[in-house]
């Protein structure tokens, strides 16, 4: 499994037309990005922060 990840990263840094320095997300990051429950929690937190900011300006 670690060999596959290593190869995946090497492909990302090959010198060709598609050269890029972007990071490849790890297993945990991929799980958090696809978890609907976590996305809903983040949505609520961001909305609360927005309400606080808007409330301070009025």
N, C-alpha and C. Protein backbone atom coordinates (compact mmCIF):
# COMPACT_ATOMS: atom_id res chain seq x y z
N UNK A 1 0.83 -1.19 0.00
CA UNK A 1 0.00 0.00 0.00
C UNK A 1 0.87 1.25 0.00
N UNK A 2 1.93 1.26 0.80
CA UNK A 2 2.78 2.45 0.84
C UNK A 2 3.51 2.65 -0.49
N UNK A 3 3.78 1.56 -1.20
CA UNK A 3 4.43 1.68 -2.50
C UNK A 3 3.52 2.39 -3.50
N UNK A 4 2.24 2.10 -3.45
CA UNK A 4 1.29 2.73 -4.37
C UNK A 4 1.25 4.24 -4.11
N UNK A 5 1.21 4.62 -2.84
CA UNK A 5 1.18 6.04 -2.50
C UNK A 5 2.47 6.72 -2.96
N UNK A 6 3.59 6.06 -2.75
CA UNK A 6 4.88 6.61 -3.15
C UNK A 6 4.93 6.83 -4.66
N UNK A 7 4.44 5.86 -5.41
CA UNK A 7 4.42 5.98 -6.87
C UNK A 7 3.48 7.10 -7.28
N UNK A 8 2.34 7.21 -6.61
CA UNK A 8 1.37 8.26 -6.91
C UNK A 8 2.00 9.64 -6.72
N UNK A 9 2.80 9.81 -5.66
CA UNK A 9 3.45 11.08 -5.41
C UNK A 9 4.54 11.35 -6.45
N UNK A 10 5.27 10.31 -6.84
CA UNK A 10 6.32 10.48 -7.83
C UNK A 10 5.74 10.92 -9.17
N UNK A 11 4.60 10.36 -9.55
CA UNK A 11 3.95 10.74 -10.80
C UNK A 11 3.61 12.22 -10.76
N UNK A 12 3.22 12.72 -9.59
CA UNK A 12 2.85 14.12 -9.44
C UNK A 12 4.04 15.05 -9.66
N UNK A 13 5.26 14.59 -9.40
CA UNK A 13 6.44 15.45 -9.50
C UNK A 13 7.30 15.15 -10.73
N UNK A 14 6.80 14.39 -11.67
CA UNK A 14 7.57 14.13 -12.88
C UNK A 14 7.72 15.42 -13.68
N UNK A 15 8.84 15.52 -14.40
CA UNK A 15 9.07 16.72 -15.22
C UNK A 15 8.48 16.49 -16.60
N UNK A 16 7.28 16.94 -16.79
CA UNK A 16 6.61 16.88 -18.08
C UNK A 16 5.63 18.05 -18.16
N UNK A 17 4.73 18.01 -19.11
CA UNK A 17 3.78 19.11 -19.29
C UNK A 17 2.83 19.27 -18.10
N UNK A 18 2.62 18.22 -17.34
CA UNK A 18 1.67 18.26 -16.24
C UNK A 18 2.35 18.47 -14.89
N UNK A 19 3.54 19.07 -14.86
CA UNK A 19 4.29 19.27 -13.62
C UNK A 19 3.50 20.18 -12.68
N UNK A 20 3.37 19.76 -11.45
CA UNK A 20 2.64 20.54 -10.46
C UNK A 20 3.23 20.28 -9.08
N UNK A 21 3.14 21.24 -8.21
CA UNK A 21 3.65 21.09 -6.85
C UNK A 21 2.51 20.93 -5.84
N UNK A 22 1.32 20.58 -6.31
CA UNK A 22 0.19 20.42 -5.40
C UNK A 22 0.36 19.17 -4.56
N UNK A 23 -0.14 19.24 -3.35
CA UNK A 23 -0.05 18.10 -2.45
C UNK A 23 -1.16 17.10 -2.76
N UNK A 24 -0.88 15.83 -2.53
CA UNK A 24 -1.88 14.78 -2.66
C UNK A 24 -2.44 14.54 -1.26
N UNK A 25 -3.76 14.69 -1.06
CA UNK A 25 -4.31 14.53 0.28
C UNK A 25 -4.15 13.11 0.80
N UNK A 26 -3.97 13.00 2.09
CA UNK A 26 -3.82 11.70 2.73
C UNK A 26 -5.17 11.03 2.95
N UNK A 27 -5.11 9.87 3.58
CA UNK A 27 -6.32 9.08 3.82
C UNK A 27 -7.31 9.82 4.72
N UNK A 28 -6.78 10.45 5.79
CA UNK A 28 -7.65 11.17 6.73
C UNK A 28 -8.32 12.37 6.05
N UNK A 29 -7.56 13.13 5.28
CA UNK A 29 -8.12 14.30 4.59
C UNK A 29 -9.19 13.89 3.60
N UNK A 30 -8.97 12.81 2.87
CA UNK A 30 -9.98 12.33 1.93
C UNK A 30 -11.25 11.91 2.66
N UNK A 31 -11.08 11.26 3.81
CA UNK A 31 -12.24 10.82 4.58
C UNK A 31 -13.05 12.01 5.08
N UNK A 32 -12.35 13.04 5.56
CA UNK A 32 -13.05 14.22 6.09
C UNK A 32 -13.76 15.00 4.98
N UNK A 33 -13.19 15.00 3.79
CA UNK A 33 -13.80 15.73 2.67
C UNK A 33 -15.04 15.03 2.14
N UNK A 34 -15.14 13.74 2.34
CA UNK A 34 -16.27 12.98 1.79
C UNK A 34 -17.30 12.61 2.86
N UNK A 35 -17.04 12.93 4.13
CA UNK A 35 -17.96 12.59 5.22
C UNK A 35 -19.07 13.64 5.29
N UNK A 36 -20.29 13.22 5.03
CA UNK A 36 -21.42 14.15 5.01
C UNK A 36 -21.69 14.73 6.39
N UNK A 37 -21.54 13.93 7.43
CA UNK A 37 -21.78 14.41 8.79
C UNK A 37 -20.79 15.52 9.14
N UNK A 38 -19.50 15.32 8.83
CA UNK A 38 -18.49 16.34 9.11
C UNK A 38 -18.76 17.61 8.30
N UNK A 39 -19.17 17.46 7.06
CA UNK A 39 -19.46 18.63 6.23
C UNK A 39 -20.63 19.42 6.81
N UNK A 40 -21.63 18.74 7.34
CA UNK A 40 -22.78 19.42 7.95
C UNK A 40 -22.33 20.18 9.20
N UNK A 41 -21.47 19.56 10.02
CA UNK A 41 -20.97 20.22 11.22
C UNK A 41 -20.18 21.47 10.84
N UNK A 42 -19.31 21.38 9.83
CA UNK A 42 -18.53 22.53 9.37
C UNK A 42 -19.46 23.64 8.84
N UNK A 43 -20.52 23.25 8.14
CA UNK A 43 -21.50 24.20 7.63
C UNK A 43 -22.13 24.99 8.77
N UNK A 44 -22.51 24.31 9.83
CA UNK A 44 -23.12 24.96 10.99
C UNK A 44 -22.12 25.91 11.64
N UNK A 45 -20.87 25.46 11.83
CA UNK A 45 -19.85 26.29 12.47
C UNK A 45 -19.59 27.56 11.65
N UNK A 46 -19.48 27.41 10.34
CA UNK A 46 -19.23 28.58 9.48
C UNK A 46 -20.41 29.54 9.53
N UNK A 47 -21.63 29.02 9.55
CA UNK A 47 -22.81 29.89 9.63
C UNK A 47 -22.85 30.65 10.94
N UNK A 48 -22.49 29.99 12.04
CA UNK A 48 -22.46 30.67 13.33
C UNK A 48 -21.43 31.80 13.32
N UNK A 49 -20.26 31.53 12.73
CA UNK A 49 -19.23 32.58 12.63
C UNK A 49 -19.73 33.75 11.79
N UNK A 50 -20.43 33.46 10.71
CA UNK A 50 -20.96 34.53 9.86
C UNK A 50 -22.00 35.35 10.60
N UNK A 51 -22.85 34.73 11.37
CA UNK A 51 -23.87 35.44 12.15
C UNK A 51 -23.20 36.37 13.15
N UNK A 52 -22.13 35.91 13.78
CA UNK A 52 -21.41 36.73 14.75
C UNK A 52 -20.80 37.95 14.07
N UNK A 53 -20.16 37.76 12.92
CA UNK A 53 -19.52 38.86 12.20
C UNK A 53 -20.55 39.87 11.73
N UNK A 54 -21.65 39.40 11.16
CA UNK A 54 -22.71 40.30 10.68
C UNK A 54 -23.35 41.01 11.86
N UNK A 55 -23.53 40.30 12.98
CA UNK A 55 -24.12 40.91 14.16
C UNK A 55 -23.27 42.03 14.73
N UNK A 56 -21.95 41.89 14.65
CA UNK A 56 -21.05 42.95 15.14
C UNK A 56 -21.11 44.20 14.27
N UNK A 57 -21.40 44.02 12.99
CA UNK A 57 -21.39 45.17 12.08
C UNK A 57 -22.70 45.96 12.12
N UNK A 58 -23.73 45.42 12.72
CA UNK A 58 -25.03 46.15 12.75
C UNK A 58 -25.31 46.72 14.09
